[in-house]
C-alpha atoms as a PDB file:
ATOM      1  CA  MET A   1     125.252  91.465  80.670  1.00  0.00           C
ATOM      2  CA  ALA A   2     126.472  92.885  83.799  1.00  0.00           C
ATOM      3  CA  ALA A   3     127.598  95.533  81.974  1.00  0.00           C
ATOM      4  CA  ASP A   4     124.080  96.314  81.070  1.00  0.00           C
ATOM      5  CA  LEU A   5     122.871  95.891  84.174  1.00  0.00           C
ATOM      6  CA  GLU A   6     125.438  98.383  85.793  1.00  0.00           C
ATOM      7  CA  GLU A   7     124.699 100.886  83.766  1.00  0.00           C
ATOM      8  CA  LYS A   8     120.860 100.167  83.878  1.00  0.00           C
ATOM      9  CA  THR A   9     121.232 100.950  87.590  1.00  0.00           C
ATOM     10  CA  ASP A  10     123.327 103.375  87.909  1.00  0.00           C
ATOM     11  CA  ARG A  11     120.826 105.163  85.298  1.00  0.00           C
ATOM     12  CA  TYR A  12     117.833 104.479  87.070  1.00  0.00           C
ATOM     13  CA  GLY A  13     119.842 105.749  90.503  1.00  0.00           C
ATOM     14  CA  GLU A  14     120.368 109.076  88.982  1.00  0.00           C
ATOM     15  CA  LEU A  15     117.157 108.951  87.265  1.00  0.00           C
ATOM     16  CA  LEU A  16     115.435 109.327  90.471  1.00  0.00           C
ATOM     17  CA  ALA A  17     117.742 111.210  92.679  1.00  0.00           C
ATOM     18  CA  GLU A  18     116.987 113.997  89.966  1.00  0.00           C
ATOM     19  CA  ALA A  19     113.461 113.717  90.320  1.00  0.00           C
ATOM     20  CA  LEU A  20     113.522 113.529  93.662  1.00  0.00           C
ATOM     21  CA  GLU A  21     115.096 117.214  93.425  1.00  0.00           C
ATOM     22  CA  GLU A  22     112.373 117.585  90.791  1.00  0.00           C
ATOM     23  CA  ALA A  23     108.999 117.217  92.854  1.00  0.00           C
ATOM     24  CA  THR A  24     107.733 119.447  95.090  1.00  0.00           C
ATOM     25  CA  ILE A  25     104.555 118.905  97.616  1.00  0.00           C
ATOM     26  CA  ALA A  26     101.620 120.211  95.786  1.00  0.00           C
ATOM     27  CA  PRO A  27      98.545 119.934  97.980  1.00  0.00           C
ATOM     28  CA  PRO A  28      98.017 122.906 100.669  1.00  0.00           C
ATOM     29  CA  GLU A  29     100.542 122.744 103.660  1.00  0.00           C
ATOM     30  CA  GLY A  30      97.859 120.658 106.794  1.00  0.00           C
ATOM     31  CA  THR A  31      96.388 119.080 104.511  1.00  0.00           C
ATOM     32  CA  PRO A  32      95.242 115.189 104.452  1.00  0.00           C
ATOM     33  CA  MET A  33      96.340 115.573 100.535  1.00  0.00           C
ATOM     34  CA  ALA A  34      99.317 117.248 101.609  1.00  0.00           C
ATOM     35  CA  GLU A  35     100.283 114.358 104.191  1.00  0.00           C
ATOM     36  CA  ALA A  36     100.017 111.578 101.328  1.00  0.00           C
ATOM     37  CA  ALA A  37     102.237 113.567  99.467  1.00  0.00           C
ATOM     38  CA  ALA A  38     105.550 113.534 101.978  1.00  0.00           C
ATOM     39  CA  ASP A  39     104.480 110.232 102.574  1.00  0.00           C
ATOM     40  CA  CYS A  40     104.776 109.011  98.625  1.00  0.00           C
ATOM     41  CA  TYR A  41     108.157 111.646  98.874  1.00  0.00           C
ATOM     42  CA  GLU A  42     109.289 109.683 102.169  1.00  0.00           C
ATOM     43  CA  MET A  43     108.937 106.343 100.235  1.00  0.00           C
ATOM     44  CA  GLY A  44     111.237 107.718  97.496  1.00  0.00           C
ATOM     45  CA  ALA A  45     113.638 108.593  99.139  1.00  0.00           C
ATOM     46  CA  SER A  46     113.894 105.807 101.188  1.00  0.00           C
ATOM     47  CA  TYR A  47     114.163 103.150  98.289  1.00  0.00           C
ATOM     48  CA  LEU A  48     117.362 105.920  96.901  1.00  0.00           C
ATOM     49  CA  GLU A  49     118.950 105.501 100.400  1.00  0.00           C
ATOM     50  CA  ASP A  50     118.404 101.563 100.044  1.00  0.00           C
ATOM     51  CA  GLY A  51     119.105 101.009  96.093  1.00  0.00           C
ATOM     52  CA  ASN A  52     122.772 103.192  96.884  1.00  0.00           C
ATOM     53  CA  HIS A  53     123.301 100.597  99.845  1.00  0.00           C
ATOM     54  CA  PHE A  54     122.247  97.843  97.697  1.00  0.00           C
ATOM     55  CA  ARG A  55     125.004  99.216  94.713  1.00  0.00           C
ATOM     56  CA  ALA A  56     127.589  99.749  97.345  1.00  0.00           C
ATOM     57  CA  GLN A  57     127.043  95.923  98.466  1.00  0.00           C
ATOM     58  CA  GLY A  58     127.123  95.081  94.891  1.00  0.00           C
ATOM     59  CA  ASP A  59     124.184  93.579  94.611  1.00  0.00           C
ATOM     60  CA  LEU A  60     122.592  95.091  91.547  1.00  0.00           C
ATOM     61  CA  VAL A  61     119.371  93.539  91.234  1.00  0.00           C
ATOM     62  CA  ASN A  62     118.101  94.985  94.319  1.00  0.00           C
ATOM     63  CA  ALA A  63     119.684  98.212  93.238  1.00  0.00           C
ATOM     64  CA  LEU A  64     117.787  98.127  90.356  1.00  0.00           C
ATOM     65  CA  ALA A  65     114.404  97.010  91.721  1.00  0.00           C
ATOM     66  CA  SER A  66     114.720  99.799  94.313  1.00  0.00           C
ATOM     67  CA  PHE A  67     115.195 102.507  92.340  1.00  0.00           C
ATOM     68  CA  SER A  68     112.668 101.360  90.311  1.00  0.00           C
ATOM     69  CA  TYR A  69     110.007 101.065  92.964  1.00  0.00           C
ATOM     70  CA  GLY A  70     110.747 104.787  94.226  1.00  0.00           C
ATOM     71  CA  HIS A  71     110.839 106.424  91.003  1.00  0.00           C
ATOM     72  CA  ALA A  72     107.283 105.034  90.519  1.00  0.00           C
ATOM     73  CA  TRP A  73     106.429 106.006  93.926  1.00  0.00           C
ATOM     74  CA  LEU A  74     106.926 110.142  92.915  1.00  0.00           C
ATOM     75  CA  ASP A  75     105.557 109.060  89.407  1.00  0.00           C
ATOM     76  CA  ALA A  76     102.302 108.042  90.906  1.00  0.00           C
ATOM     77  CA  GLY A  77     101.914 110.437  92.715  1.00  0.00           C
ATOM     78  CA  ALA A  78     102.760 113.277  89.896  1.00  0.00           C
ATOM     79  CA  ARG A  79     100.063 111.786  88.234  1.00  0.00           C
ATOM     80  CA  VAL A  80      97.441 112.459  90.771  1.00  0.00           C
ATOM     81  CA  GLY A  81      98.702 115.546  91.766  1.00  0.00           C
ATOM     82  CA  LEU A  82     100.479 115.239  94.984  1.00  0.00           C
ATOM     83  CA  PHE A  83     103.052 116.858  93.251  1.00  0.00           C
ATOM     84  CA  ASP A  84     104.255 119.820  91.435  1.00  0.00           C
ATOM     85  CA  VAL A  85     106.731 118.457  88.654  1.00  0.00           C
ATOM     86  CA  PRO A  86     108.266 119.357  84.948  1.00  0.00           C
ATOM     87  CA  THR A  87     105.741 118.176  82.432  1.00  0.00           C
ATOM     88  CA  GLU A  88     108.302 118.619  79.888  1.00  0.00           C
ATOM     89  CA  GLY A  89     111.262 115.816  79.718  1.00  0.00           C
ATOM     90  CA  HIS A  90     112.038 112.563  80.973  1.00  0.00           C
ATOM     91  CA  LEU A  91     111.419 112.657  84.606  1.00  0.00           C
ATOM     92  CA  PHE A  92     107.732 111.866  84.780  1.00  0.00           C
ATOM     93  CA  THR A  93     104.827 110.684  82.697  1.00  0.00           C
ATOM     94  CA  VAL A  94     102.061 113.372  83.930  1.00  0.00           C
ATOM     95  CA  GLU A  95     101.469 114.692  79.875  1.00  0.00           C
END
């Protein structure tokens, strides 16, 4: 069971890091929607940082939760058009 949690935590951390690399802000700079996108992106990045901290401390449950929450911020932003993201693959549920 612990090995499953460790593998899943690592996988979700990598997924969030990859999603952050692929997501770019879609709305024009200086608009309220671009500010909202920047906020969503910052939340995703902050949760990645938190998850990495928890992972380093051996707290796999909170690490996994952080990675999951971070990815949810990005995925929700992508679905409402805040980010340009790949429509193919495993990173986002936009199609």
